Amino acid sequence: MKVLLAVVAVVVLAIVAYAFVKYRAIQEAATGPAKEIVSESMEKTGDTWHVKFVSKIDAPLDKVFDAFQHPERIAEFAPENVMKAEMKEDKGNTKVVEVIGTLDILPPGFKVQDLVTEYTVYPDEHRITSRTIDFKLADITSEYKFEPTPDGKTLLTFTQSSKQKQQALVEALQKGAIRETYITQVRAANRALGLAPMPEKRATG
C-alpha cells in the first residue's frame, strides 16, 4: 500500500511540475523579452485584441519594405514554423496567400493553423495592410508601417486588430499566439535580408 501511495505521489508531483513548466513557457511566450521587438502593447476589449509592436531592423528602408512584400516566401525563411505558403492571387499591389503554420505555444488540436490572407502594398507610403479572408480562430486586420531611422536602418510599426471567433483558448495563449506569429514574420524578414542565420535542416528518415 505504501509503495502504491508513493508511486501515486510521484506521478502527481510529475504532473504538477509539467503543468508549472508549461505555464511558465506560456507566460514567457506571451510577455517575455524578444530581440525582434523593441516595444509592444497588447490589450483586449471584449473579444478583440488591439496590438502594437515596434521593431528596429538593421537594413535600409527600401530593402526591408521589399522583404515584407513577399509573404508567399515565408516558408522558405521560417521553415521551422511554416509548412506551406502558396500564392492564391496576385493582382497589382494586392496578393492573396494561404499559409499553413505551426504555433508551438498552442495545445494539440490548435497547433497547426491554416489561414488565407489578403495583403495590399502602398509603395508611396511604405505601408502594407492585411486582412484574413479565411481563418477559423479570428478575423484579423493588420498594418505594417516602415520608416527610416537616422542611422540608415528601419523602424517597423505593426498594428493589429484581432477579433476572436473561438473562446476555447485562455487569454495567455491567445496573446502568445499573436506575439509568436509576429515574431516569426520579423525573423523571416531578417533571414531574407541576410541579418540572421537560417535554421539547420531537420534530419529526414
N, C-alpha and C. Protein backbone atom coordinates (compact mmCIF):
# COMPACT_ATOMS: atom_id res chain seq x y z
N MET A 1 0.83 -1.21 0.00
CA MET A 1 0.00 0.00 0.00
C MET A 1 0.87 1.27 0.00
N LYS A 2 1.91 1.20 0.85
CA LYS A 2 2.82 2.35 0.92
C LYS A 2 3.51 2.59 -0.41
N VAL A 3 3.88 1.48 -1.07
CA VAL A 3 4.54 1.59 -2.37
C VAL A 3 3.59 2.25 -3.37
N LEU A 4 2.33 1.83 -3.37
CA LEU A 4 1.32 2.38 -4.27
C LEU A 4 1.14 3.88 -4.04
N LEU A 5 1.05 4.26 -2.77
CA LEU A 5 0.90 5.68 -2.42
C LEU A 5 2.11 6.49 -2.88
N ALA A 6 3.27 5.89 -2.73
CA ALA A 6 4.50 6.57 -3.14
C ALA A 6 4.51 6.78 -4.65
N VAL A 7 4.08 5.77 -5.41
CA VAL A 7 4.02 5.88 -6.87
C VAL A 7 3.04 6.96 -7.28
N VAL A 8 1.86 6.97 -6.64
CA VAL A 8 0.84 7.99 -6.93
C VAL A 8 1.39 9.38 -6.64
N ALA A 9 2.09 9.51 -5.52
CA ALA A 9 2.67 10.81 -5.14
C ALA A 9 3.67 11.29 -6.18
N VAL A 10 4.50 10.38 -6.67
CA VAL A 10 5.49 10.72 -7.69
C VAL A 10 4.81 11.16 -8.98
N VAL A 11 3.76 10.43 -9.39
CA VAL A 11 3.03 10.77 -10.61
C VAL A 11 2.39 12.15 -10.48
N VAL A 12 1.73 12.39 -9.35
CA VAL A 12 1.09 13.69 -9.11
C VAL A 12 2.13 14.81 -9.13
N LEU A 13 3.27 14.56 -8.51
CA LEU A 13 4.34 15.55 -8.48
C LEU A 13 4.84 15.85 -9.89
N ALA A 14 4.96 14.80 -10.71
CA ALA A 14 5.42 14.97 -12.10
C ALA A 14 4.41 15.79 -12.90
N ILE A 15 3.12 15.51 -12.69
CA ILE A 15 2.07 16.26 -13.40
C ILE A 15 2.09 17.72 -13.00
N VAL A 16 2.23 17.99 -11.72
CA VAL A 16 2.28 19.37 -11.23
C VAL A 16 3.50 20.10 -11.81
N ALA A 17 4.65 19.40 -11.81
CA ALA A 17 5.88 20.00 -12.35
C ALA A 17 5.73 20.31 -13.83
N TYR A 18 5.13 19.37 -14.57
CA TYR A 18 4.91 19.58 -16.01
C TYR A 18 3.99 20.76 -16.24
N ALA A 19 2.90 20.83 -15.46
CA ALA A 19 1.94 21.93 -15.60
C ALA A 19 2.61 23.27 -15.32
N PHE A 20 3.48 23.29 -14.30
CA PHE A 20 4.18 24.53 -13.95
C PHE A 20 5.13 24.96 -15.07
N VAL A 21 5.86 23.99 -15.64
CA VAL A 21 6.79 24.30 -16.73
C VAL A 21 6.03 24.83 -17.94
N LYS A 22 4.90 24.19 -18.27
CA LYS A 22 4.08 24.64 -19.40
C LYS A 22 3.55 26.05 -19.14
N TYR A 23 3.10 26.32 -17.91
CA TYR A 23 2.59 27.64 -17.56
C TYR A 23 3.67 28.70 -17.73
N ARG A 24 4.88 28.39 -17.25
CA ARG A 24 5.99 29.33 -17.38
C ARG A 24 6.31 29.58 -18.85
N ALA A 25 6.28 28.52 -19.66
CA ALA A 25 6.57 28.65 -21.09
C ALA A 25 5.54 29.54 -21.78
N ILE A 26 4.27 29.36 -21.41
CA ILE A 26 3.20 30.18 -21.99
C ILE A 26 3.38 31.64 -21.60
N GLN A 27 3.67 31.89 -20.31
CA GLN A 27 3.86 33.26 -19.85
C GLN A 27 5.06 33.92 -20.53
N GLU A 28 6.13 33.14 -20.71
CA GLU A 28 7.33 33.65 -21.37
C GLU A 28 7.03 34.02 -22.83
N ALA A 29 6.30 33.16 -23.52
CA ALA A 29 5.95 33.42 -24.92
C ALA A 29 5.04 34.63 -25.05
N ALA A 30 4.18 34.82 -24.07
CA ALA A 30 3.21 35.91 -24.12
C ALA A 30 3.78 37.25 -23.71
N THR A 31 4.77 37.24 -22.81
CA THR A 31 5.25 38.51 -22.26
C THR A 31 6.76 38.64 -22.19
N GLY A 32 7.49 37.57 -22.44
CA GLY A 32 8.94 37.59 -22.26
C GLY A 32 9.67 38.44 -23.28
N PRO A 33 10.92 38.77 -23.01
CA PRO A 33 11.71 39.58 -23.94
C PRO A 33 11.93 38.87 -25.27
N ALA A 34 11.92 39.64 -26.35
CA ALA A 34 12.17 39.09 -27.68
C ALA A 34 13.02 40.10 -28.43
N LYS A 35 14.13 39.64 -29.00
CA LYS A 35 15.04 40.55 -29.69
C LYS A 35 14.39 41.19 -30.91
N GLU A 36 13.33 40.56 -31.43
CA GLU A 36 12.65 41.10 -32.62
C GLU A 36 11.73 42.27 -32.28
N ILE A 37 11.46 42.51 -30.99
CA ILE A 37 10.51 43.54 -30.58
C ILE A 37 11.19 44.58 -29.70
N VAL A 38 11.07 45.86 -30.10
CA VAL A 38 11.62 46.96 -29.31
C VAL A 38 10.62 47.39 -28.24
N SER A 39 9.36 47.52 -28.63
CA SER A 39 8.30 47.86 -27.68
C SER A 39 7.01 47.20 -28.13
N GLU A 40 6.09 47.02 -27.17
CA GLU A 40 4.85 46.36 -27.51
C GLU A 40 3.71 46.79 -26.60
N SER A 41 2.50 46.66 -27.13
CA SER A 41 1.28 46.91 -26.36
C SER A 41 0.23 45.91 -26.82
N MET A 42 -0.37 45.20 -25.89
CA MET A 42 -1.41 44.23 -26.21
C MET A 42 -2.55 44.37 -25.21
N GLU A 43 -3.71 44.78 -25.69
CA GLU A 43 -4.87 44.96 -24.83
C GLU A 43 -6.08 44.28 -25.44
N LYS A 44 -6.93 43.74 -24.59
CA LYS A 44 -8.13 43.07 -25.08
C LYS A 44 -9.37 43.82 -24.60
N THR A 45 -10.26 44.14 -25.55
CA THR A 45 -11.53 44.77 -25.24
C THR A 45 -12.63 43.85 -25.75
N GLY A 46 -13.40 43.28 -24.84
CA GLY A 46 -14.41 42.31 -25.25
C GLY A 46 -13.74 41.09 -25.85
N ASP A 47 -14.07 40.79 -27.11
CA ASP A 47 -13.47 39.62 -27.78
C ASP A 47 -12.39 40.02 -28.78
N THR A 48 -11.90 41.27 -28.69
CA THR A 48 -10.95 41.78 -29.68
C THR A 48 -9.64 42.23 -29.05
N TRP A 49 -8.53 41.71 -29.61
CA TRP A 49 -7.20 42.15 -29.20
C TRP A 49 -6.77 43.35 -30.04
N HIS A 50 -6.20 44.36 -29.38
CA HIS A 50 -5.62 45.52 -30.06
C HIS A 50 -4.12 45.50 -29.77
N VAL A 51 -3.35 45.36 -30.83
CA VAL A 51 -1.92 45.08 -30.69
C VAL A 51 -1.07 46.14 -31.38
N LYS A 52 0.05 46.48 -30.76
CA LYS A 52 1.05 47.33 -31.41
C LYS A 52 2.44 46.81 -31.06
N PHE A 53 3.21 46.48 -32.09
CA PHE A 53 4.60 46.07 -31.92
C PHE A 53 5.48 47.04 -32.71
N VAL A 54 6.64 47.36 -32.15
CA VAL A 54 7.63 48.16 -32.87
C VAL A 54 8.93 47.38 -32.92
N SER A 55 9.51 47.30 -34.13
CA SER A 55 10.77 46.58 -34.32
C SER A 55 11.75 47.46 -35.08
N LYS A 56 13.03 47.33 -34.75
CA LYS A 56 14.08 48.01 -35.50
C LYS A 56 14.86 46.96 -36.27
N ILE A 57 14.92 47.14 -37.58
CA ILE A 57 15.58 46.17 -38.45
C ILE A 57 16.84 46.79 -39.04
N ASP A 58 17.95 46.08 -38.96
CA ASP A 58 19.26 46.63 -39.32
C ASP A 58 19.53 46.60 -40.82
N ALA A 59 18.64 47.24 -41.58
CA ALA A 59 18.81 47.33 -43.03
C ALA A 59 18.07 48.58 -43.51
N PRO A 60 18.43 49.10 -44.69
CA PRO A 60 17.78 50.30 -45.21
C PRO A 60 16.29 50.09 -45.50
N LEU A 61 15.54 51.18 -45.47
CA LEU A 61 14.09 51.15 -45.64
C LEU A 61 13.64 50.36 -46.87
N ASP A 62 14.19 50.67 -48.04
CA ASP A 62 13.72 50.03 -49.27
C ASP A 62 13.89 48.51 -49.25
N LYS A 63 15.01 48.05 -48.69
CA LYS A 63 15.26 46.60 -48.63
C LYS A 63 14.31 45.91 -47.66
N VAL A 64 14.06 46.55 -46.52
CA VAL A 64 13.15 45.97 -45.53
C VAL A 64 11.72 45.95 -46.08
N PHE A 65 11.32 47.06 -46.69
CA PHE A 65 9.98 47.15 -47.27
C PHE A 65 9.78 46.06 -48.32
N ASP A 66 10.79 45.83 -49.13
CA ASP A 66 10.69 44.80 -50.16
C ASP A 66 10.60 43.40 -49.53
N ALA A 67 11.35 43.17 -48.46
CA ALA A 67 11.34 41.85 -47.83
C ALA A 67 9.96 41.47 -47.32
N PHE A 68 9.20 42.45 -46.87
CA PHE A 68 7.87 42.18 -46.33
C PHE A 68 6.79 42.10 -47.42
N GLN A 69 7.16 42.37 -48.66
CA GLN A 69 6.19 42.32 -49.75
C GLN A 69 6.03 40.94 -50.36
N HIS A 70 6.71 39.94 -49.78
CA HIS A 70 6.67 38.59 -50.36
C HIS A 70 6.26 37.55 -49.30
N PRO A 71 5.05 37.67 -48.76
CA PRO A 71 4.61 36.71 -47.74
C PRO A 71 4.54 35.28 -48.26
N GLU A 72 4.45 35.13 -49.59
CA GLU A 72 4.40 33.79 -50.18
C GLU A 72 5.74 33.05 -50.03
N ARG A 73 6.80 33.76 -49.61
CA ARG A 73 8.11 33.13 -49.44
C ARG A 73 8.44 32.82 -47.98
N ILE A 74 7.48 33.02 -47.08
CA ILE A 74 7.80 32.88 -45.66
C ILE A 74 8.20 31.45 -45.28
N ALA A 75 7.66 30.45 -45.99
CA ALA A 75 8.04 29.06 -45.70
C ALA A 75 9.53 28.82 -45.99
N GLU A 76 10.06 29.58 -46.93
CA GLU A 76 11.48 29.47 -47.29
C GLU A 76 12.38 29.98 -46.17
N PHE A 77 11.91 31.03 -45.47
CA PHE A 77 12.76 31.68 -44.47
C PHE A 77 12.36 31.36 -43.02
N ALA A 78 11.24 30.69 -42.84
CA ALA A 78 10.85 30.26 -41.48
C ALA A 78 10.30 28.84 -41.54
N PRO A 79 11.11 27.89 -42.03
CA PRO A 79 10.62 26.51 -42.22
C PRO A 79 10.27 25.80 -40.92
N GLU A 80 10.83 26.27 -39.81
CA GLU A 80 10.52 25.62 -38.53
C GLU A 80 9.10 25.96 -38.05
N ASN A 81 8.51 27.03 -38.59
CA ASN A 81 7.17 27.44 -38.19
C ASN A 81 6.13 27.38 -39.31
N VAL A 82 6.59 27.42 -40.56
CA VAL A 82 5.67 27.47 -41.70
C VAL A 82 5.89 26.26 -42.60
N MET A 83 4.85 25.47 -42.77
CA MET A 83 4.94 24.27 -43.60
C MET A 83 4.62 24.55 -45.05
N LYS A 84 3.78 25.55 -45.29
CA LYS A 84 3.36 25.85 -46.65
C LYS A 84 2.97 27.32 -46.76
N ALA A 85 3.36 27.96 -47.87
CA ALA A 85 2.90 29.31 -48.20
C ALA A 85 2.67 29.33 -49.71
N GLU A 86 1.44 29.55 -50.10
CA GLU A 86 1.07 29.45 -51.51
C GLU A 86 0.30 30.69 -51.97
N MET A 87 0.75 31.27 -53.08
CA MET A 87 0.06 32.40 -53.67
C MET A 87 -1.25 31.93 -54.30
N LYS A 88 -2.35 32.55 -53.88
CA LYS A 88 -3.66 32.22 -54.44
C LYS A 88 -4.09 33.23 -55.50
N GLU A 89 -3.60 34.46 -55.35
CA GLU A 89 -3.98 35.53 -56.27
C GLU A 89 -2.94 36.63 -56.22
N ASP A 90 -2.61 37.21 -57.37
CA ASP A 90 -1.62 38.28 -57.45
C ASP A 90 -2.10 39.31 -58.47
N LYS A 91 -2.64 40.42 -57.96
CA LYS A 91 -3.17 41.45 -58.84
C LYS A 91 -2.61 42.81 -58.44
N GLY A 92 -1.64 43.29 -59.22
CA GLY A 92 -1.06 44.60 -58.93
C GLY A 92 -0.42 44.64 -57.56
N ASN A 93 -0.93 45.52 -56.70
CA ASN A 93 -0.37 45.68 -55.36
C ASN A 93 -1.07 44.80 -54.32
N THR A 94 -1.91 43.89 -54.77
CA THR A 94 -2.66 43.03 -53.85
C THR A 94 -2.33 41.56 -54.10
N LYS A 95 -2.07 40.85 -53.00
CA LYS A 95 -1.81 39.41 -53.06
C LYS A 95 -2.72 38.70 -52.07
N VAL A 96 -3.12 37.48 -52.44
CA VAL A 96 -3.84 36.61 -51.52
C VAL A 96 -2.96 35.36 -51.33
N VAL A 97 -2.60 35.09 -50.08
CA VAL A 97 -1.67 34.00 -49.77
C VAL A 97 -2.25 33.08 -48.72
N GLU A 98 -2.12 31.78 -48.96
CA GLU A 98 -2.51 30.79 -47.96
C GLU A 98 -1.26 30.30 -47.24
N VAL A 99 -1.32 30.32 -45.92
CA VAL A 99 -0.19 29.86 -45.11
C VAL A 99 -0.67 28.79 -44.14
N ILE A 100 0.06 27.69 -44.09
CA ILE A 100 -0.17 26.65 -43.09
C ILE A 100 1.06 26.63 -42.19
N GLY A 101 0.84 26.94 -40.92
CA GLY A 101 1.96 27.04 -40.00
C GLY A 101 1.66 26.39 -38.67
N THR A 102 2.70 26.31 -37.84
CA THR A 102 2.54 25.74 -36.51
C THR A 102 2.87 26.80 -35.46
N LEU A 103 2.08 26.81 -34.41
CA LEU A 103 2.32 27.70 -33.28
C LEU A 103 2.58 26.81 -32.06
N ASP A 104 3.83 26.74 -31.65
CA ASP A 104 4.22 25.82 -30.58
C ASP A 104 3.54 26.12 -29.25
N ILE A 105 3.14 27.37 -29.05
CA ILE A 105 2.52 27.74 -27.79
C ILE A 105 1.13 27.14 -27.62
N LEU A 106 0.48 26.79 -28.74
CA LEU A 106 -0.90 26.31 -28.68
C LEU A 106 -0.96 24.81 -28.36
N PRO A 107 -2.06 24.37 -27.74
CA PRO A 107 -2.21 22.95 -27.39
C PRO A 107 -2.54 22.10 -28.62
N PRO A 108 -2.42 20.77 -28.50
CA PRO A 108 -2.79 19.89 -29.60
C PRO A 108 -4.21 20.18 -30.09
N GLY A 109 -4.38 20.10 -31.39
CA GLY A 109 -5.68 20.44 -31.96
C GLY A 109 -5.74 21.87 -32.45
N PHE A 110 -4.82 22.72 -31.94
CA PHE A 110 -4.75 24.12 -32.35
C PHE A 110 -3.39 24.48 -32.94
N LYS A 111 -2.38 23.62 -32.72
CA LYS A 111 -1.01 23.96 -33.13
C LYS A 111 -0.89 24.28 -34.62
N VAL A 112 -1.52 23.48 -35.46
CA VAL A 112 -1.44 23.70 -36.91
C VAL A 112 -2.58 24.62 -37.34
N GLN A 113 -2.22 25.73 -37.94
CA GLN A 113 -3.19 26.73 -38.36
C GLN A 113 -3.10 26.96 -39.86
N ASP A 114 -4.27 27.07 -40.49
CA ASP A 114 -4.37 27.31 -41.93
C ASP A 114 -5.14 28.61 -42.12
N LEU A 115 -4.49 29.62 -42.70
CA LEU A 115 -5.18 30.89 -42.91
C LEU A 115 -4.90 31.46 -44.29
N VAL A 116 -5.90 32.12 -44.84
CA VAL A 116 -5.78 32.80 -46.12
C VAL A 116 -5.87 34.30 -45.84
N THR A 117 -4.87 35.03 -46.31
CA THR A 117 -4.76 36.45 -46.00
C THR A 117 -4.56 37.28 -47.27
N GLU A 118 -5.21 38.43 -47.30
CA GLU A 118 -5.03 39.37 -48.41
C GLU A 118 -4.09 40.50 -47.96
N TYR A 119 -3.07 40.74 -48.77
CA TYR A 119 -2.09 41.80 -48.48
C TYR A 119 -2.19 42.89 -49.55
N THR A 120 -2.17 44.15 -49.13
CA THR A 120 -2.17 45.27 -50.06
C THR A 120 -0.98 46.18 -49.76
N VAL A 121 -0.20 46.46 -50.79
CA VAL A 121 1.02 47.27 -50.63
C VAL A 121 0.75 48.70 -51.12
N TYR A 122 1.21 49.67 -50.34
CA TYR A 122 1.10 51.09 -50.70
C TYR A 122 2.52 51.63 -50.83
N PRO A 123 3.12 51.53 -52.02
CA PRO A 123 4.54 51.86 -52.22
C PRO A 123 4.91 53.29 -51.82
N ASP A 124 4.08 54.26 -52.18
CA ASP A 124 4.41 55.66 -51.89
C ASP A 124 4.39 55.97 -50.39
N GLU A 125 3.68 55.15 -49.62
CA GLU A 125 3.56 55.39 -48.18
C GLU A 125 4.43 54.44 -47.36
N HIS A 126 5.13 53.53 -48.03
CA HIS A 126 5.90 52.48 -47.34
C HIS A 126 5.03 51.82 -46.26
N ARG A 127 3.91 51.30 -46.75
CA ARG A 127 2.91 50.73 -45.86
C ARG A 127 2.28 49.50 -46.50
N ILE A 128 1.96 48.51 -45.67
CA ILE A 128 1.29 47.30 -46.12
C ILE A 128 0.12 47.03 -45.16
N THR A 129 -1.05 46.70 -45.72
CA THR A 129 -2.16 46.28 -44.88
C THR A 129 -2.50 44.83 -45.20
N SER A 130 -3.12 44.16 -44.25
CA SER A 130 -3.54 42.78 -44.49
C SER A 130 -4.84 42.50 -43.75
N ARG A 131 -5.59 41.54 -44.26
CA ARG A 131 -6.81 41.09 -43.60
C ARG A 131 -7.01 39.62 -43.90
N THR A 132 -7.43 38.88 -42.89
CA THR A 132 -7.69 37.46 -43.10
C THR A 132 -9.00 37.29 -43.86
N ILE A 133 -8.97 36.39 -44.84
CA ILE A 133 -10.16 36.05 -45.62
C ILE A 133 -10.77 34.76 -45.09
N ASP A 134 -9.92 33.87 -44.65
CA ASP A 134 -10.38 32.57 -44.15
C ASP A 134 -9.47 32.13 -43.02
N PHE A 135 -9.95 32.20 -41.77
CA PHE A 135 -9.18 31.78 -40.61
C PHE A 135 -10.17 31.42 -39.50
N LYS A 136 -10.07 30.21 -38.96
CA LYS A 136 -11.09 29.73 -38.03
C LYS A 136 -11.00 30.35 -36.63
N LEU A 137 -9.83 30.87 -36.25
CA LEU A 137 -9.68 31.38 -34.89
C LEU A 137 -10.07 32.84 -34.72
N ALA A 138 -9.87 33.66 -35.77
CA ALA A 138 -10.10 35.09 -35.60
C ALA A 138 -10.24 35.81 -36.93
N ASP A 139 -10.86 36.99 -36.88
CA ASP A 139 -10.85 37.92 -38.01
C ASP A 139 -9.78 38.96 -37.69
N ILE A 140 -8.78 39.05 -38.56
CA ILE A 140 -7.61 39.87 -38.25
C ILE A 140 -7.37 40.92 -39.33
N THR A 141 -7.17 42.16 -38.92
CA THR A 141 -6.72 43.22 -39.83
C THR A 141 -5.43 43.80 -39.25
N SER A 142 -4.46 44.04 -40.13
CA SER A 142 -3.14 44.50 -39.68
C SER A 142 -2.60 45.60 -40.58
N GLU A 143 -1.67 46.37 -40.03
CA GLU A 143 -0.95 47.37 -40.82
C GLU A 143 0.53 47.34 -40.45
N TYR A 144 1.38 47.37 -41.48
CA TYR A 144 2.83 47.45 -41.32
C TYR A 144 3.26 48.81 -41.86
N LYS A 145 3.86 49.62 -41.01
CA LYS A 145 4.33 50.95 -41.43
C LYS A 145 5.83 51.02 -41.26
N PHE A 146 6.54 51.36 -42.34
CA PHE A 146 8.00 51.37 -42.35
C PHE A 146 8.53 52.80 -42.42
N GLU A 147 9.51 53.11 -41.57
CA GLU A 147 10.11 54.45 -41.55
C GLU A 147 11.63 54.33 -41.44
N PRO A 148 12.36 55.21 -42.12
CA PRO A 148 13.83 55.19 -41.99
C PRO A 148 14.26 55.79 -40.66
N THR A 149 15.36 55.31 -40.13
CA THR A 149 15.94 55.89 -38.92
C THR A 149 17.17 56.73 -39.29
N PRO A 150 17.60 57.65 -38.44
CA PRO A 150 18.76 58.49 -38.76
C PRO A 150 20.04 57.72 -39.04
N ASP A 151 20.14 56.49 -38.49
CA ASP A 151 21.36 55.70 -38.70
C ASP A 151 21.26 54.76 -39.90
N GLY A 152 20.27 54.99 -40.78
CA GLY A 152 20.17 54.22 -42.01
C GLY A 152 19.49 52.87 -41.86
N LYS A 153 18.82 52.67 -40.75
CA LYS A 153 18.10 51.41 -40.54
C LYS A 153 16.58 51.66 -40.68
N THR A 154 15.77 50.70 -40.26
CA THR A 154 14.33 50.82 -40.49
C THR A 154 13.54 50.52 -39.22
N LEU A 155 12.55 51.36 -38.99
CA LEU A 155 11.64 51.16 -37.88
C LEU A 155 10.32 50.64 -38.43
N LEU A 156 9.90 49.49 -37.95
CA LEU A 156 8.62 48.89 -38.35
C LEU A 156 7.62 49.05 -37.21
N THR A 157 6.49 49.69 -37.51
CA THR A 157 5.41 49.80 -36.54
C THR A 157 4.25 48.93 -37.05
N PHE A 158 3.92 47.94 -36.28
CA PHE A 158 2.89 46.97 -36.64
C PHE A 158 1.70 47.13 -35.72
N THR A 159 0.51 47.36 -36.30
CA THR A 159 -0.71 47.43 -35.50
C THR A 159 -1.69 46.38 -36.00
N GLN A 160 -2.48 45.86 -35.09
CA GLN A 160 -3.39 44.78 -35.46
C GLN A 160 -4.63 44.78 -34.58
N SER A 161 -5.75 44.44 -35.22
CA SER A 161 -7.00 44.19 -34.51
C SER A 161 -7.38 42.74 -34.79
N SER A 162 -7.54 41.95 -33.74
CA SER A 162 -7.81 40.52 -33.88
C SER A 162 -9.07 40.16 -33.10
N LYS A 163 -10.17 39.96 -33.81
CA LYS A 163 -11.44 39.61 -33.19
C LYS A 163 -11.56 38.09 -33.10
N GLN A 164 -11.55 37.58 -31.87
CA GLN A 164 -11.54 36.14 -31.66
C GLN A 164 -12.88 35.50 -32.01
N LYS A 165 -12.83 34.37 -32.73
CA LYS A 165 -14.03 33.62 -33.09
C LYS A 165 -14.30 32.49 -32.10
N GLN A 166 -13.24 31.98 -31.49
CA GLN A 166 -13.36 30.88 -30.54
C GLN A 166 -12.83 31.30 -29.19
N GLN A 167 -13.56 30.97 -28.14
CA GLN A 167 -13.13 31.30 -26.79
C GLN A 167 -12.57 30.08 -26.06
N ALA A 168 -12.20 29.05 -26.83
CA ALA A 168 -11.67 27.82 -26.24
C ALA A 168 -10.29 28.03 -25.63
N LEU A 169 -9.57 29.04 -26.12
CA LEU A 169 -8.21 29.29 -25.64
C LEU A 169 -8.20 30.37 -24.57
N VAL A 170 -7.41 30.16 -23.52
CA VAL A 170 -7.27 31.17 -22.47
C VAL A 170 -6.53 32.38 -23.04
N GLU A 171 -6.67 33.52 -22.37
CA GLU A 171 -6.10 34.77 -22.90
C GLU A 171 -4.60 34.71 -23.07
N ALA A 172 -3.90 34.05 -22.15
CA ALA A 172 -2.43 33.97 -22.26
C ALA A 172 -2.02 33.26 -23.54
N LEU A 173 -2.78 32.23 -23.93
CA LEU A 173 -2.49 31.50 -25.17
C LEU A 173 -2.80 32.36 -26.39
N GLN A 174 -3.92 33.07 -26.36
CA GLN A 174 -4.26 33.97 -27.47
C GLN A 174 -3.18 35.03 -27.66
N LYS A 175 -2.78 35.61 -26.54
CA LYS A 175 -1.76 36.65 -26.56
C LYS A 175 -0.43 36.10 -27.09
N GLY A 176 -0.05 34.93 -26.60
CA GLY A 176 1.20 34.32 -27.04
C GLY A 176 1.20 33.96 -28.51
N ALA A 177 0.04 33.50 -29.01
CA ALA A 177 -0.06 33.13 -30.42
C ALA A 177 0.08 34.35 -31.33
N ILE A 178 -0.54 35.46 -30.94
CA ILE A 178 -0.43 36.70 -31.72
C ILE A 178 1.03 37.16 -31.75
N ARG A 179 1.66 37.12 -30.60
CA ARG A 179 3.05 37.56 -30.48
C ARG A 179 4.00 36.67 -31.27
N GLU A 180 3.79 35.35 -31.15
CA GLU A 180 4.65 34.38 -31.83
C GLU A 180 4.53 34.52 -33.36
N THR A 181 3.31 34.78 -33.84
CA THR A 181 3.10 34.95 -35.28
C THR A 181 3.85 36.16 -35.80
N TYR A 182 3.81 37.26 -35.04
CA TYR A 182 4.54 38.46 -35.46
C TYR A 182 6.04 38.23 -35.46
N ILE A 183 6.55 37.63 -34.40
CA ILE A 183 7.99 37.37 -34.29
C ILE A 183 8.47 36.50 -35.45
N THR A 184 7.67 35.53 -35.85
CA THR A 184 8.02 34.66 -36.98
C THR A 184 8.20 35.48 -38.25
N GLN A 185 7.31 36.46 -38.47
CA GLN A 185 7.40 37.30 -39.67
C GLN A 185 8.67 38.15 -39.67
N VAL A 186 8.99 38.74 -38.53
CA VAL A 186 10.20 39.58 -38.43
C VAL A 186 11.45 38.72 -38.58
N ARG A 187 11.44 37.56 -37.96
CA ARG A 187 12.58 36.65 -38.08
C ARG A 187 12.80 36.23 -39.53
N ALA A 188 11.71 35.93 -40.23
CA ALA A 188 11.81 35.54 -41.64
C ALA A 188 12.38 36.67 -42.47
N ALA A 189 11.93 37.91 -42.21
CA ALA A 189 12.44 39.07 -42.95
C ALA A 189 13.93 39.27 -42.68
N ASN A 190 14.34 39.11 -41.43
CA ASN A 190 15.77 39.25 -41.09
C ASN A 190 16.61 38.20 -41.82
N ARG A 191 16.09 37.00 -41.95
CA ARG A 191 16.81 35.95 -42.68
C ARG A 191 16.87 36.27 -44.16
N ALA A 192 15.75 36.76 -44.70
CA ALA A 192 15.71 37.13 -46.13
C ALA A 192 16.71 38.24 -46.44
N LEU A 193 16.95 39.11 -45.45
CA LEU A 193 17.89 40.22 -45.61
C LEU A 193 19.33 39.82 -45.29
N GLY A 194 19.53 38.59 -44.86
CA GLY A 194 20.87 38.13 -44.51
C GLY A 194 21.33 38.61 -43.15
N LEU A 195 20.39 39.01 -42.29
CA LEU A 195 20.73 39.54 -40.97
C LEU A 195 20.68 38.48 -39.87
N ALA A 196 20.13 37.33 -40.19
CA ALA A 196 20.03 36.24 -39.22
C ALA A 196 20.26 34.92 -39.94
N PRO A 197 20.84 33.94 -39.25
CA PRO A 197 21.13 32.65 -39.89
C PRO A 197 19.87 31.84 -40.10
N MET A 198 19.89 31.04 -41.14
CA MET A 198 18.81 30.10 -41.38
C MET A 198 18.91 28.95 -40.38
N PRO A 199 17.78 28.35 -40.01
CA PRO A 199 17.84 27.20 -39.09
C PRO A 199 18.48 26.01 -39.77
N GLU A 200 19.06 25.12 -38.95
CA GLU A 200 19.63 23.91 -39.52
C GLU A 200 18.52 23.04 -40.08
N LYS A 201 18.81 22.36 -41.19
CA LYS A 201 17.82 21.49 -41.79
C LYS A 201 17.56 20.29 -40.88
N ARG A 202 16.27 19.96 -40.77
CA ARG A 202 15.91 18.82 -39.96
C ARG A 202 16.32 17.51 -40.65
N ALA A 203 16.74 16.58 -39.84
CA ALA A 203 17.13 15.27 -40.38
C ALA A 203 15.92 14.55 -40.95
N THR A 204 16.10 13.88 -42.06
CA THR A 204 14.99 13.12 -42.65
C THR A 204 15.23 11.64 -42.47
N GLY A 205 14.12 10.89 -42.56
CA GLY A 205 14.24 9.44 -42.44
C GLY A 205 14.14 8.94 -41.02
